Amino acid sequence: MPQYLVAIHHPDDYDPSVEGEAMQRDISALNKEMVAAGVRVFVGSLSPARTARSLRAQPGGKVLITDGPYLETKEHIGGFWVLQAADLDEALAWGRKAAVACRAPVEVRPFL
């Protein structure tokens, strides 16, 4: 069965303290629904993009490590699910529920 990434996007200046109890309950309920349906493979939330370290290969086998995300963007992935779904339509149905629960834009993408 194919696997899909369901990624939650947050603005760069996202403040997790705005996530009220209702939103946390909605996300928890969605996680329980995913587990009960047998589609959830993995779930994770990420620290803000500013805490990232980027690594770039350099000549001679060296690696340059810099503070911050690799890409300069206005949004970043704040959390994600890896789901096992029958097809893209099923994954999109879960993505719709994630967008509502998280009150944020969601991207659904199949794994190769």
N, C-alpha and C. Protein backbone atom coordinates (compact mmCIF):
# COMPACT_ATOMS: atom_id res chain seq x y z
N MET A 1 0.85 -1.18 0.00
CA MET A 1 0.00 0.00 0.00
C MET A 1 0.90 1.24 0.00
N PRO A 2 0.58 2.23 -0.84
CA PRO A 2 1.43 3.43 -0.93
C PRO A 2 1.43 4.25 0.36
N GLN A 3 2.52 4.97 0.55
CA GLN A 3 2.64 5.86 1.70
C GLN A 3 2.66 7.31 1.23
N TYR A 4 2.14 8.19 2.08
CA TYR A 4 2.00 9.61 1.76
C TYR A 4 2.50 10.45 2.92
N LEU A 5 3.13 11.55 2.59
CA LEU A 5 3.50 12.56 3.57
C LEU A 5 2.36 13.57 3.64
N VAL A 6 1.89 13.84 4.83
CA VAL A 6 0.90 14.89 5.07
C VAL A 6 1.62 15.92 5.94
N ALA A 7 2.04 17.02 5.33
CA ALA A 7 2.88 18.01 6.00
C ALA A 7 2.08 19.26 6.34
N ILE A 8 2.26 19.73 7.56
CA ILE A 8 1.60 20.95 8.05
C ILE A 8 2.58 22.11 7.86
N HIS A 9 2.13 23.19 7.23
CA HIS A 9 2.98 24.35 6.99
C HIS A 9 2.64 25.47 7.97
N HIS A 10 3.69 26.06 8.52
CA HIS A 10 3.55 27.19 9.43
C HIS A 10 4.32 28.37 8.88
N PRO A 11 3.87 29.60 9.17
CA PRO A 11 4.67 30.76 8.78
C PRO A 11 5.97 30.77 9.58
N ASP A 12 6.98 31.42 9.06
CA ASP A 12 8.29 31.45 9.71
C ASP A 12 8.23 31.95 11.15
N ASP A 13 7.33 32.88 11.42
CA ASP A 13 7.25 33.45 12.77
C ASP A 13 6.19 32.74 13.63
N TYR A 14 5.87 31.49 13.30
CA TYR A 14 4.81 30.76 14.00
C TYR A 14 5.12 30.63 15.48
N ASP A 15 4.12 30.89 16.29
CA ASP A 15 4.24 30.80 17.74
C ASP A 15 3.36 29.66 18.23
N PRO A 16 3.95 28.53 18.66
CA PRO A 16 3.16 27.38 19.09
C PRO A 16 2.23 27.68 20.27
N SER A 17 2.47 28.77 20.98
CA SER A 17 1.61 29.08 22.12
C SER A 17 0.20 29.48 21.68
N VAL A 18 0.01 29.76 20.38
CA VAL A 18 -1.33 30.09 19.88
C VAL A 18 -2.20 28.83 19.71
N GLU A 19 -1.59 27.67 19.86
CA GLU A 19 -2.34 26.43 19.72
C GLU A 19 -3.12 26.20 21.02
N GLY A 20 -4.37 26.56 20.99
CA GLY A 20 -5.21 26.43 22.17
C GLY A 20 -5.60 24.98 22.45
N GLU A 21 -6.32 24.83 23.55
CA GLU A 21 -6.76 23.49 23.95
C GLU A 21 -7.66 22.84 22.91
N ALA A 22 -8.51 23.63 22.26
CA ALA A 22 -9.41 23.07 21.26
C ALA A 22 -8.62 22.49 20.08
N MET A 23 -7.60 23.21 19.65
CA MET A 23 -6.79 22.72 18.54
C MET A 23 -6.04 21.45 18.95
N GLN A 24 -5.49 21.43 20.13
CA GLN A 24 -4.78 20.24 20.61
C GLN A 24 -5.72 19.04 20.72
N ARG A 25 -6.96 19.28 21.17
CA ARG A 25 -7.95 18.19 21.22
C ARG A 25 -8.27 17.68 19.83
N ASP A 26 -8.42 18.60 18.86
CA ASP A 26 -8.74 18.21 17.49
C ASP A 26 -7.61 17.37 16.88
N ILE A 27 -6.37 17.78 17.12
CA ILE A 27 -5.23 17.03 16.58
C ILE A 27 -5.14 15.66 17.26
N SER A 28 -5.35 15.62 18.55
CA SER A 28 -5.34 14.34 19.28
C SER A 28 -6.43 13.41 18.76
N ALA A 29 -7.62 13.95 18.53
CA ALA A 29 -8.73 13.14 18.01
C ALA A 29 -8.39 12.62 16.61
N LEU A 30 -7.77 13.46 15.78
CA LEU A 30 -7.37 13.02 14.44
C LEU A 30 -6.34 11.91 14.53
N ASN A 31 -5.36 12.05 15.42
CA ASN A 31 -4.37 10.99 15.59
C ASN A 31 -5.02 9.67 16.00
N LYS A 32 -5.96 9.73 16.93
CA LYS A 32 -6.67 8.51 17.35
C LYS A 32 -7.46 7.91 16.20
N GLU A 33 -8.09 8.76 15.38
CA GLU A 33 -8.85 8.28 14.24
C GLU A 33 -7.92 7.61 13.22
N MET A 34 -6.75 8.20 12.99
CA MET A 34 -5.79 7.61 12.06
C MET A 34 -5.29 6.25 12.55
N VAL A 35 -5.01 6.16 13.84
CA VAL A 35 -4.56 4.88 14.42
C VAL A 35 -5.67 3.84 14.29
N ALA A 36 -6.90 4.22 14.64
CA ALA A 36 -8.03 3.28 14.56
C ALA A 36 -8.26 2.80 13.13
N ALA A 37 -8.02 3.68 12.16
CA ALA A 37 -8.20 3.31 10.75
C ALA A 37 -7.01 2.51 10.21
N GLY A 38 -5.94 2.45 10.98
CA GLY A 38 -4.75 1.70 10.55
C GLY A 38 -3.94 2.37 9.48
N VAL A 39 -4.04 3.71 9.34
CA VAL A 39 -3.31 4.42 8.29
C VAL A 39 -2.05 5.12 8.80
N ARG A 40 -1.98 5.41 10.08
CA ARG A 40 -0.85 6.19 10.58
C ARG A 40 0.39 5.31 10.75
N VAL A 41 1.46 5.69 10.06
CA VAL A 41 2.74 5.00 10.18
C VAL A 41 3.62 5.73 11.18
N PHE A 42 3.65 7.07 11.08
CA PHE A 42 4.51 7.89 11.93
C PHE A 42 3.96 9.29 11.98
N VAL A 43 4.16 9.96 13.10
CA VAL A 43 3.78 11.37 13.23
C VAL A 43 4.88 12.09 13.99
N GLY A 44 5.13 13.34 13.62
CA GLY A 44 6.14 14.12 14.32
C GLY A 44 5.91 15.60 14.16
N SER A 45 6.30 16.34 15.17
CA SER A 45 6.29 17.80 15.05
C SER A 45 7.73 18.27 15.11
N LEU A 46 7.99 19.37 14.45
CA LEU A 46 9.36 19.86 14.31
C LEU A 46 9.56 21.17 15.06
N SER A 47 10.78 21.39 15.50
CA SER A 47 11.16 22.66 16.10
C SER A 47 11.11 23.74 15.03
N PRO A 48 11.06 25.00 15.42
CA PRO A 48 11.03 26.08 14.42
C PRO A 48 12.23 25.98 13.46
N ALA A 49 12.03 26.44 12.24
CA ALA A 49 13.07 26.36 11.20
C ALA A 49 14.35 27.06 11.63
N ARG A 50 14.25 28.07 12.48
CA ARG A 50 15.45 28.79 12.89
C ARG A 50 16.40 27.90 13.71
N THR A 51 15.92 26.77 14.21
CA THR A 51 16.78 25.86 14.97
C THR A 51 17.50 24.85 14.08
N ALA A 52 17.23 24.89 12.78
CA ALA A 52 17.83 23.94 11.84
C ALA A 52 19.31 24.24 11.63
N ARG A 53 20.02 23.23 11.19
CA ARG A 53 21.40 23.37 10.72
C ARG A 53 21.42 22.80 9.31
N SER A 54 22.05 23.51 8.40
CA SER A 54 22.14 23.07 7.00
C SER A 54 23.54 22.58 6.71
N LEU A 55 23.62 21.46 6.01
CA LEU A 55 24.90 20.87 5.65
C LEU A 55 25.03 20.83 4.14
N ARG A 56 26.18 21.31 3.65
CA ARG A 56 26.42 21.35 2.21
C ARG A 56 27.78 20.73 1.92
N ALA A 57 27.79 19.80 0.96
CA ALA A 57 29.05 19.18 0.55
C ALA A 57 29.94 20.23 -0.11
N GLN A 58 31.22 20.16 0.19
CA GLN A 58 32.22 21.06 -0.36
C GLN A 58 33.28 20.23 -1.10
N PRO A 59 34.10 20.89 -1.90
CA PRO A 59 35.17 20.15 -2.57
C PRO A 59 36.09 19.46 -1.55
N GLY A 60 36.65 18.35 -1.96
CA GLY A 60 37.59 17.64 -1.10
C GLY A 60 36.92 16.84 -0.01
N GLY A 61 35.64 16.59 -0.12
CA GLY A 61 34.94 15.78 0.88
C GLY A 61 34.59 16.50 2.16
N LYS A 62 34.78 17.78 2.20
CA LYS A 62 34.43 18.57 3.39
C LYS A 62 32.93 18.87 3.37
N VAL A 63 32.40 19.18 4.54
CA VAL A 63 30.99 19.55 4.67
C VAL A 63 30.91 20.85 5.46
N LEU A 64 30.20 21.81 4.89
CA LEU A 64 29.98 23.10 5.54
C LEU A 64 28.66 23.04 6.30
N ILE A 65 28.70 23.40 7.59
CA ILE A 65 27.50 23.42 8.42
C ILE A 65 27.20 24.88 8.76
N THR A 66 25.96 25.31 8.47
CA THR A 66 25.56 26.68 8.78
C THR A 66 24.28 26.65 9.62
N ASP A 67 24.08 27.70 10.39
CA ASP A 67 22.86 27.83 11.19
C ASP A 67 21.70 28.20 10.29
N GLY A 68 20.54 27.65 10.59
CA GLY A 68 19.33 28.02 9.89
C GLY A 68 18.93 27.01 8.83
N PRO A 69 17.75 27.21 8.28
CA PRO A 69 17.24 26.28 7.27
C PRO A 69 18.00 26.41 5.96
N TYR A 70 17.91 25.37 5.15
CA TYR A 70 18.58 25.35 3.85
C TYR A 70 17.98 26.40 2.92
N LEU A 71 16.65 26.51 2.92
CA LEU A 71 15.97 27.46 2.04
C LEU A 71 15.44 28.64 2.84
N GLU A 72 15.54 29.81 2.27
CA GLU A 72 14.92 31.00 2.85
C GLU A 72 13.49 31.06 2.34
N THR A 73 12.53 30.80 3.19
CA THR A 73 11.13 30.80 2.78
C THR A 73 10.28 31.53 3.82
N LYS A 74 9.04 31.80 3.47
CA LYS A 74 8.11 32.43 4.40
C LYS A 74 7.38 31.40 5.24
N GLU A 75 7.43 30.13 4.82
CA GLU A 75 6.78 29.04 5.55
C GLU A 75 7.75 27.88 5.67
N HIS A 76 7.46 27.02 6.64
CA HIS A 76 8.25 25.81 6.80
C HIS A 76 7.34 24.69 7.30
N ILE A 77 7.82 23.48 7.24
CA ILE A 77 7.05 22.34 7.75
C ILE A 77 7.16 22.33 9.26
N GLY A 78 6.02 22.41 9.92
CA GLY A 78 5.99 22.42 11.38
C GLY A 78 5.73 21.04 11.97
N GLY A 79 5.16 20.17 11.18
CA GLY A 79 4.87 18.81 11.63
C GLY A 79 4.37 18.00 10.47
N PHE A 80 4.26 16.70 10.67
CA PHE A 80 3.86 15.84 9.56
C PHE A 80 3.37 14.49 10.05
N TRP A 81 2.65 13.83 9.17
CA TRP A 81 2.27 12.43 9.33
C TRP A 81 2.80 11.66 8.14
N VAL A 82 3.17 10.43 8.35
CA VAL A 82 3.39 9.49 7.27
C VAL A 82 2.22 8.52 7.35
N LEU A 83 1.44 8.45 6.27
CA LEU A 83 0.25 7.61 6.24
C LEU A 83 0.39 6.53 5.19
N GLN A 84 -0.24 5.42 5.45
CA GLN A 84 -0.36 4.34 4.47
C GLN A 84 -1.81 4.33 4.04
N ALA A 85 -2.04 4.71 2.78
CA ALA A 85 -3.40 4.85 2.27
C ALA A 85 -3.55 4.09 0.96
N ALA A 86 -4.77 3.74 0.65
CA ALA A 86 -5.03 2.97 -0.57
C ALA A 86 -4.65 3.74 -1.83
N ASP A 87 -4.88 5.07 -1.81
CA ASP A 87 -4.61 5.88 -2.99
C ASP A 87 -4.56 7.35 -2.60
N LEU A 88 -4.29 8.20 -3.58
CA LEU A 88 -4.17 9.63 -3.32
C LEU A 88 -5.47 10.21 -2.79
N ASP A 89 -6.60 9.74 -3.28
CA ASP A 89 -7.88 10.27 -2.80
C ASP A 89 -8.05 10.04 -1.30
N GLU A 90 -7.67 8.86 -0.83
CA GLU A 90 -7.77 8.59 0.61
C GLU A 90 -6.80 9.48 1.39
N ALA A 91 -5.59 9.64 0.87
CA ALA A 91 -4.60 10.49 1.53
C ALA A 91 -5.09 11.94 1.58
N LEU A 92 -5.72 12.40 0.50
CA LEU A 92 -6.26 13.76 0.48
C LEU A 92 -7.39 13.93 1.48
N ALA A 93 -8.19 12.90 1.68
CA ALA A 93 -9.27 12.96 2.68
C ALA A 93 -8.68 13.17 4.07
N TRP A 94 -7.58 12.45 4.36
CA TRP A 94 -6.90 12.65 5.65
C TRP A 94 -6.26 14.03 5.71
N GLY A 95 -5.72 14.51 4.58
CA GLY A 95 -5.14 15.84 4.53
C GLY A 95 -6.16 16.93 4.82
N ARG A 96 -7.38 16.75 4.32
CA ARG A 96 -8.45 17.72 4.61
C ARG A 96 -8.70 17.78 6.11
N LYS A 97 -8.77 16.61 6.74
CA LYS A 97 -9.00 16.57 8.19
C LYS A 97 -7.84 17.23 8.94
N ALA A 98 -6.62 17.03 8.45
CA ALA A 98 -5.45 17.63 9.08
C ALA A 98 -5.49 19.15 8.97
N ALA A 99 -5.88 19.66 7.81
CA ALA A 99 -5.96 21.12 7.61
C ALA A 99 -6.96 21.74 8.59
N VAL A 100 -8.07 21.06 8.80
CA VAL A 100 -9.09 21.57 9.72
C VAL A 100 -8.58 21.48 11.16
N ALA A 101 -8.04 20.33 11.55
CA ALA A 101 -7.58 20.14 12.93
C ALA A 101 -6.43 21.08 13.28
N CYS A 102 -5.50 21.25 12.35
CA CYS A 102 -4.31 22.06 12.62
C CYS A 102 -4.49 23.54 12.32
N ARG A 103 -5.61 23.85 11.62
CA ARG A 103 -5.87 25.24 11.27
C ARG A 103 -4.69 25.85 10.51
N ALA A 104 -4.18 25.06 9.55
CA ALA A 104 -2.99 25.47 8.80
C ALA A 104 -3.01 24.81 7.42
N PRO A 105 -2.26 25.37 6.48
CA PRO A 105 -2.15 24.73 5.17
C PRO A 105 -1.48 23.37 5.29
N VAL A 106 -1.89 22.45 4.42
CA VAL A 106 -1.38 21.08 4.43
C VAL A 106 -0.94 20.71 3.02
N GLU A 107 0.14 19.98 2.93
CA GLU A 107 0.61 19.43 1.66
C GLU A 107 0.57 17.91 1.76
N VAL A 108 0.00 17.26 0.75
CA VAL A 108 -0.03 15.80 0.68
C VAL A 108 0.83 15.38 -0.50
N ARG A 109 1.79 14.50 -0.23
CA ARG A 109 2.72 14.09 -1.31
C ARG A 109 3.04 12.60 -1.17
N PRO A 110 2.94 11.85 -2.28
CA PRO A 110 3.27 10.42 -2.21
C PRO A 110 4.78 10.20 -2.11
N PHE A 111 5.16 9.13 -1.41
CA PHE A 111 6.55 8.70 -1.41
C PHE A 111 6.79 7.94 -2.71
N LEU A 112 8.02 7.97 -3.19
CA LEU A 112 8.37 7.20 -4.39
C LEU A 112 8.46 5.73 -4.05
